[in-house]
Protein backbone atom coordinates (compact mmCIF):
# COMPACT_ATOMS: atom_id res chain seq x y z
CA MET A 1 -29.58 -56.93 90.42
CA ASP A 2 -32.13 -54.21 91.59
CA GLN A 3 -33.19 -55.13 95.25
CA TYR A 4 -34.83 -51.73 95.85
CA PRO A 5 -37.51 -49.55 94.19
CA VAL A 6 -36.11 -46.71 92.00
CA ALA A 7 -36.78 -43.49 93.97
CA ALA A 8 -37.17 -40.34 91.98
CA ALA A 9 -34.17 -38.64 93.60
CA ASP A 10 -32.12 -41.66 92.71
CA HIS A 11 -33.29 -41.50 89.11
CA ASP A 12 -32.60 -37.98 88.91
CA GLY A 13 -29.02 -38.67 90.18
CA VAL A 14 -28.47 -41.56 87.74
CA MET A 15 -29.68 -39.32 84.78
CA ARG A 16 -27.47 -36.63 85.80
CA ILE A 17 -24.37 -38.96 85.80
CA LEU A 18 -25.51 -40.13 82.43
CA ALA A 19 -25.77 -36.64 81.04
CA LEU A 20 -22.39 -35.76 82.38
CA ALA A 21 -20.80 -38.88 80.84
CA VAL A 22 -22.16 -38.06 77.51
CA ALA A 23 -21.13 -34.52 77.65
CA LEU A 24 -17.66 -35.47 78.55
CA ALA A 25 -17.23 -38.02 75.82
CA LEU A 26 -18.77 -35.44 73.33
CA ALA A 27 -16.76 -32.42 74.46
CA ALA A 28 -13.33 -33.66 74.30
CA PRO A 29 -13.21 -36.80 71.56
CA GLY A 30 -9.64 -38.01 71.35
CA LEU A 31 -8.37 -35.99 74.28
CA ARG A 32 -7.29 -39.01 75.71
CA ALA A 33 -6.20 -41.81 73.13
CA GLU A 34 -6.39 -44.23 76.05
CA CYS A 35 -10.07 -43.81 76.26
CA ASP A 36 -10.20 -45.55 72.93
CA ASP A 37 -8.05 -48.36 73.79
CA ALA A 38 -9.62 -51.75 74.01
CA PRO A 39 -9.96 -53.42 77.50
CA ARG A 40 -7.34 -55.40 78.61
CA ALA A 41 -4.98 -55.87 81.56
CA ASN A 42 -3.22 -52.34 82.69
CA VAL A 43 -5.49 -50.42 80.35
CA ASP A 44 -5.68 -46.80 81.24
CA TRP A 45 -9.09 -45.31 81.13
CA SER A 46 -8.60 -42.73 83.63
CA GLY A 47 -10.86 -39.67 83.48
CA CYS A 48 -12.95 -41.35 80.49
CA ALA A 49 -16.61 -41.72 80.35
CA LYS A 50 -18.09 -45.23 79.53
CA GLN A 51 -21.52 -46.41 79.56
CA ARG A 52 -23.29 -49.94 78.81
CA LEU A 53 -20.26 -51.89 78.04
CA LEU A 54 -20.38 -55.70 78.50
CA LEU A 55 -16.86 -56.58 80.04
CA ARG A 56 -17.80 -59.79 81.75
CA LYS A 57 -15.10 -62.28 82.40
CA GLN A 58 -12.36 -59.78 81.17
CA ALA A 59 -8.46 -59.93 82.12
CA LEU A 60 -8.35 -56.31 83.63
CA GLN A 61 -5.64 -56.77 86.23
CA GLY A 62 -4.10 -53.38 86.91
CA ALA A 63 -6.33 -51.35 84.79
CA ARG A 64 -6.88 -47.71 85.60
CA PHE A 65 -10.28 -46.15 85.83
CA ASP A 66 -9.26 -43.15 88.14
CA ARG A 67 -11.96 -40.28 87.97
CA ALA A 68 -13.86 -42.32 85.36
CA ILE A 69 -17.62 -42.15 84.86
CA LEU A 70 -18.80 -45.51 84.38
CA VAL A 71 -22.65 -46.18 83.75
CA GLY A 72 -24.43 -49.47 83.27
CA ILE A 73 -21.05 -51.47 82.83
CA ASN A 74 -21.01 -55.24 83.30
CA PHE A 75 -17.72 -56.32 85.16
CA ASP A 76 -19.18 -59.66 86.28
CA ALA A 77 -16.75 -62.28 87.14
CA SER A 78 -13.66 -60.11 85.60
CA ASP A 79 -10.34 -59.99 87.07
CA LEU A 80 -9.72 -56.65 88.37
CA THR A 81 -6.90 -57.60 90.85
CA ARG A 82 -4.93 -54.18 91.84
CA ALA A 83 -7.18 -52.38 89.52
CA SER A 84 -7.80 -48.52 90.39
CA PHE A 85 -11.19 -46.71 90.63
CA ALA A 86 -10.02 -43.80 92.75
CA SER A 87 -12.37 -41.11 92.77
CA ALA A 88 -14.50 -42.70 90.15
CA GLU A 89 -18.14 -42.55 89.77
CA VAL A 90 -20.21 -45.92 89.02
CA SER A 91 -23.88 -46.06 88.56
CA ARG A 92 -25.92 -49.18 88.05
CA THR A 93 -22.57 -51.18 87.37
CA SER A 94 -22.23 -54.81 88.19
CA PHE A 95 -19.13 -56.45 89.67
CA ARG A 96 -20.81 -59.80 90.62
CA ASP A 97 -18.22 -62.31 91.52
CA ALA A 98 -15.48 -59.88 90.20
CA VAL A 99 -11.94 -60.24 91.50
CA LEU A 100 -11.07 -56.85 93.12
CA GLU A 101 -8.45 -58.11 95.57
CA GLY A 102 -5.97 -55.37 96.43
CA ALA A 103 -7.93 -52.81 94.26
CA ASN A 104 -7.86 -49.16 95.05
CA LEU A 105 -11.42 -48.08 95.46
CA ASN A 106 -10.40 -44.96 97.46
CA LYS A 107 -13.30 -42.34 97.22
CA LEU A 108 -15.10 -44.16 94.79
CA VAL A 109 -18.82 -43.31 94.37
CA ALA A 110 -21.00 -46.08 93.54
CA VAL A 111 -25.00 -45.79 93.10
CA ARG A 112 -27.12 -48.80 93.05
CA SER A 113 -24.22 -51.05 92.00
CA ASN A 114 -23.59 -54.84 92.43
CA PHE A 115 -20.69 -56.18 94.19
CA SER A 116 -22.57 -59.57 95.45
CA GLY A 117 -19.80 -62.33 95.48
CA ALA A 118 -16.96 -59.88 94.68
CA ARG A 119 -13.56 -60.78 96.23
CA LEU A 120 -12.32 -57.56 97.90
CA ALA A 121 -9.91 -58.89 100.19
CA GLY A 122 -7.21 -56.13 101.16
CA ALA A 123 -8.87 -53.62 98.92
CA ASP A 124 -8.82 -50.06 99.71
CA LEU A 125 -12.44 -48.36 100.20
CA GLU A 126 -11.36 -45.57 102.42
CA LYS A 127 -13.84 -42.75 102.05
CA ALA A 128 -15.69 -44.53 99.42
CA GLU A 129 -19.58 -43.72 99.07
CA PHE A 130 -21.68 -46.60 98.26
CA HIS A 131 -25.49 -45.85 98.10
CA ARG A 132 -27.94 -48.48 97.97
CA CYS A 133 -25.25 -51.06 96.74
CA VAL A 134 -25.35 -54.85 97.22
CA LEU A 135 -22.22 -56.53 98.69
CA GLU A 136 -24.11 -59.57 99.63
CA ARG A 137 -21.52 -62.68 100.13
CA ALA A 138 -18.62 -60.19 99.20
CA ALA A 139 -15.27 -61.59 100.23
CA ALA A 140 -13.71 -58.56 101.88
CA ARG A 141 -11.46 -59.97 104.70
CA GLY A 142 -8.96 -57.22 105.76
CA ALA A 143 -10.46 -54.80 103.56
CA ASN A 144 -10.30 -50.90 104.38
CA LEU A 145 -13.84 -49.33 104.61
CA SER A 146 -12.85 -46.39 106.96
CA LYS A 147 -14.55 -43.30 106.78
CA GLY A 148 -16.85 -44.51 104.16
CA ASP A 149 -20.52 -44.01 103.62
CA PHE A 150 -22.40 -47.36 103.12
CA GLY A 151 -25.84 -46.26 103.79
CA ARG A 152 -28.68 -48.71 102.92
CA SER A 153 -26.16 -51.25 101.30
CA ASN A 154 -26.49 -54.89 101.85
CA PHE A 155 -23.64 -56.90 103.33
CA ASP A 156 -25.68 -60.02 104.30
CA ARG A 157 -23.45 -62.81 104.50
CA ALA A 158 -20.28 -60.95 103.51
CA ASP A 159 -16.95 -61.88 105.02
CA LEU A 160 -15.73 -58.81 106.68
CA ARG A 161 -13.28 -60.51 109.25
CA GLU A 162 -10.42 -57.99 110.19
CA ALA A 163 -12.09 -55.38 108.00
CA ASN A 164 -11.51 -51.65 108.98
CA LEU A 165 -14.94 -49.95 109.53
CA ARG A 166 -13.79 -47.29 111.86
CA PHE A 167 -15.79 -43.85 111.35
CA SER A 168 -17.78 -45.45 108.74
CA SER A 169 -21.41 -44.40 108.10
CA LEU A 170 -23.40 -47.80 107.92
CA ALA A 171 -27.18 -46.30 108.58
CA ARG A 172 -29.56 -48.68 107.73
CA ALA A 173 -26.93 -51.07 106.05
CA SER A 174 -27.72 -54.82 106.59
CA PHE A 175 -25.27 -57.16 108.19
CA ARG A 176 -27.53 -60.23 108.54
CA GLY A 177 -25.21 -63.45 108.54
CA ALA A 178 -22.03 -61.37 108.11
CA ARG A 179 -18.77 -62.51 109.39
CA LEU A 180 -17.28 -59.75 111.49
CA ALA A 181 -14.79 -61.31 113.66
CA GLY A 182 -11.92 -58.84 114.17
CA ALA A 183 -13.52 -56.14 112.20
CA ASP A 184 -13.14 -52.88 113.73
CA LEU A 185 -16.30 -50.65 114.29
CA SER A 186 -14.92 -48.01 116.41
CA GLN A 187 -16.82 -44.71 115.96
CA ALA A 188 -19.03 -46.34 113.09
CA PHE A 189 -22.48 -44.98 112.80
CA LEU A 190 -24.96 -47.67 113.13
CA PHE A 191 -28.27 -46.08 113.40
CA GLY A 192 -31.01 -48.62 111.94
CA ALA A 193 -28.27 -50.97 110.83
CA HIS A 194 -29.58 -54.50 110.51
CA ILE A 195 -27.74 -56.84 112.87
CA GLU A 196 -30.43 -59.52 113.40
CA GLY A 197 -28.90 -62.87 114.03
CA THR A 198 -25.45 -61.50 113.44
CA ASP A 199 -22.47 -62.64 115.70
CA LEU A 200 -20.55 -59.41 116.97
CA SER A 201 -18.93 -61.09 119.73
CA ALA A 202 -15.38 -60.79 118.39
CA VAL A 203 -15.79 -57.29 116.85
CA LYS A 204 -13.75 -54.51 118.00
CA GLY A 205 -14.34 -51.13 119.20
CA LEU A 206 -18.23 -51.51 119.47
CA VAL A 207 -19.89 -49.66 122.55
CA GLN A 208 -23.22 -49.54 124.03
CA ALA A 209 -24.38 -46.39 122.16
CA GLN A 210 -23.98 -47.89 118.88
CA ILE A 211 -25.97 -51.13 119.80
CA ASP A 212 -28.76 -48.93 121.09
CA VAL A 213 -29.28 -47.22 117.62
CA ALA A 214 -29.03 -50.70 115.59
CA CYS A 215 -31.55 -53.14 114.85
CA GLY A 216 -30.98 -56.52 116.25
CA ASP A 217 -33.05 -59.37 117.88
CA ALA A 218 -32.59 -62.23 120.22
CA LYS A 219 -30.19 -64.22 118.05
CA THR A 220 -27.83 -61.13 117.76
CA VAL A 221 -24.47 -62.13 119.72
CA LEU A 222 -22.89 -59.07 121.24
CA PRO A 223 -19.35 -58.71 122.83
CA ARG A 224 -19.25 -59.01 126.58
CA GLY A 225 -20.24 -56.16 128.57
CA LEU A 226 -22.93 -54.96 125.95
CA LYS A 227 -26.62 -55.64 126.22
CA ALA A 228 -29.39 -55.81 123.97
CA PRO A 229 -31.45 -52.53 124.12
CA ALA A 230 -35.27 -52.64 124.88
CA SER A 231 -35.98 -51.35 121.59
CA TRP A 232 -35.15 -54.66 119.95
CA PRO A 233 -36.46 -56.06 117.41
CA CYS A 234 -36.91 -52.66 115.55
CA ALA A 235 -40.49 -51.95 114.09
CA ASP A 236 -40.64 -52.61 110.20
């Protein structure tokens, strides 16, 4: 799951989230009876603090995790169709191959979490903050990622066709081999974004200034009217 070395700042951030989760759990035991409910479809864990749970291959359709703090949870291959994680915080949590179609991830904060192979078609990730997360091979066709921060995240080979990426920060994110036909990148921040070998010919809203600060190569396919800058390929 870990594809990056653990930086001191990231470690401190994870520890703060863990400490907050434990404090919340101890400060108000029984405040919400739902926090003790067993995981199931439509369970309401809104505002709950959970850590190190194995929830792999669970049926959690329509479950609510709004404002929850989730650390080290394994949701691999679980069905989270139409689940809600609005304003939740997840750290080192795994959603590999999970079904999140139509899910509400609005304002979700995710730190070093793994969404590789997750099915995110039609999901709402508006204003989400994904820090160093893995979305490799994610199926996010038509998903709303507008106004989000996906810095240094990995979208390699992801399906982002018709996705809304307007006004999102994609600094140093990787899109090698991603499918982006029909995706809207209007006003997206692409500083250092890796688009080597990526086909951008059918992307919407892309302008030369965005290309000039991104990192492509001779195999990058650009929309008509745009050209590769002299800075390509970027130095390592």
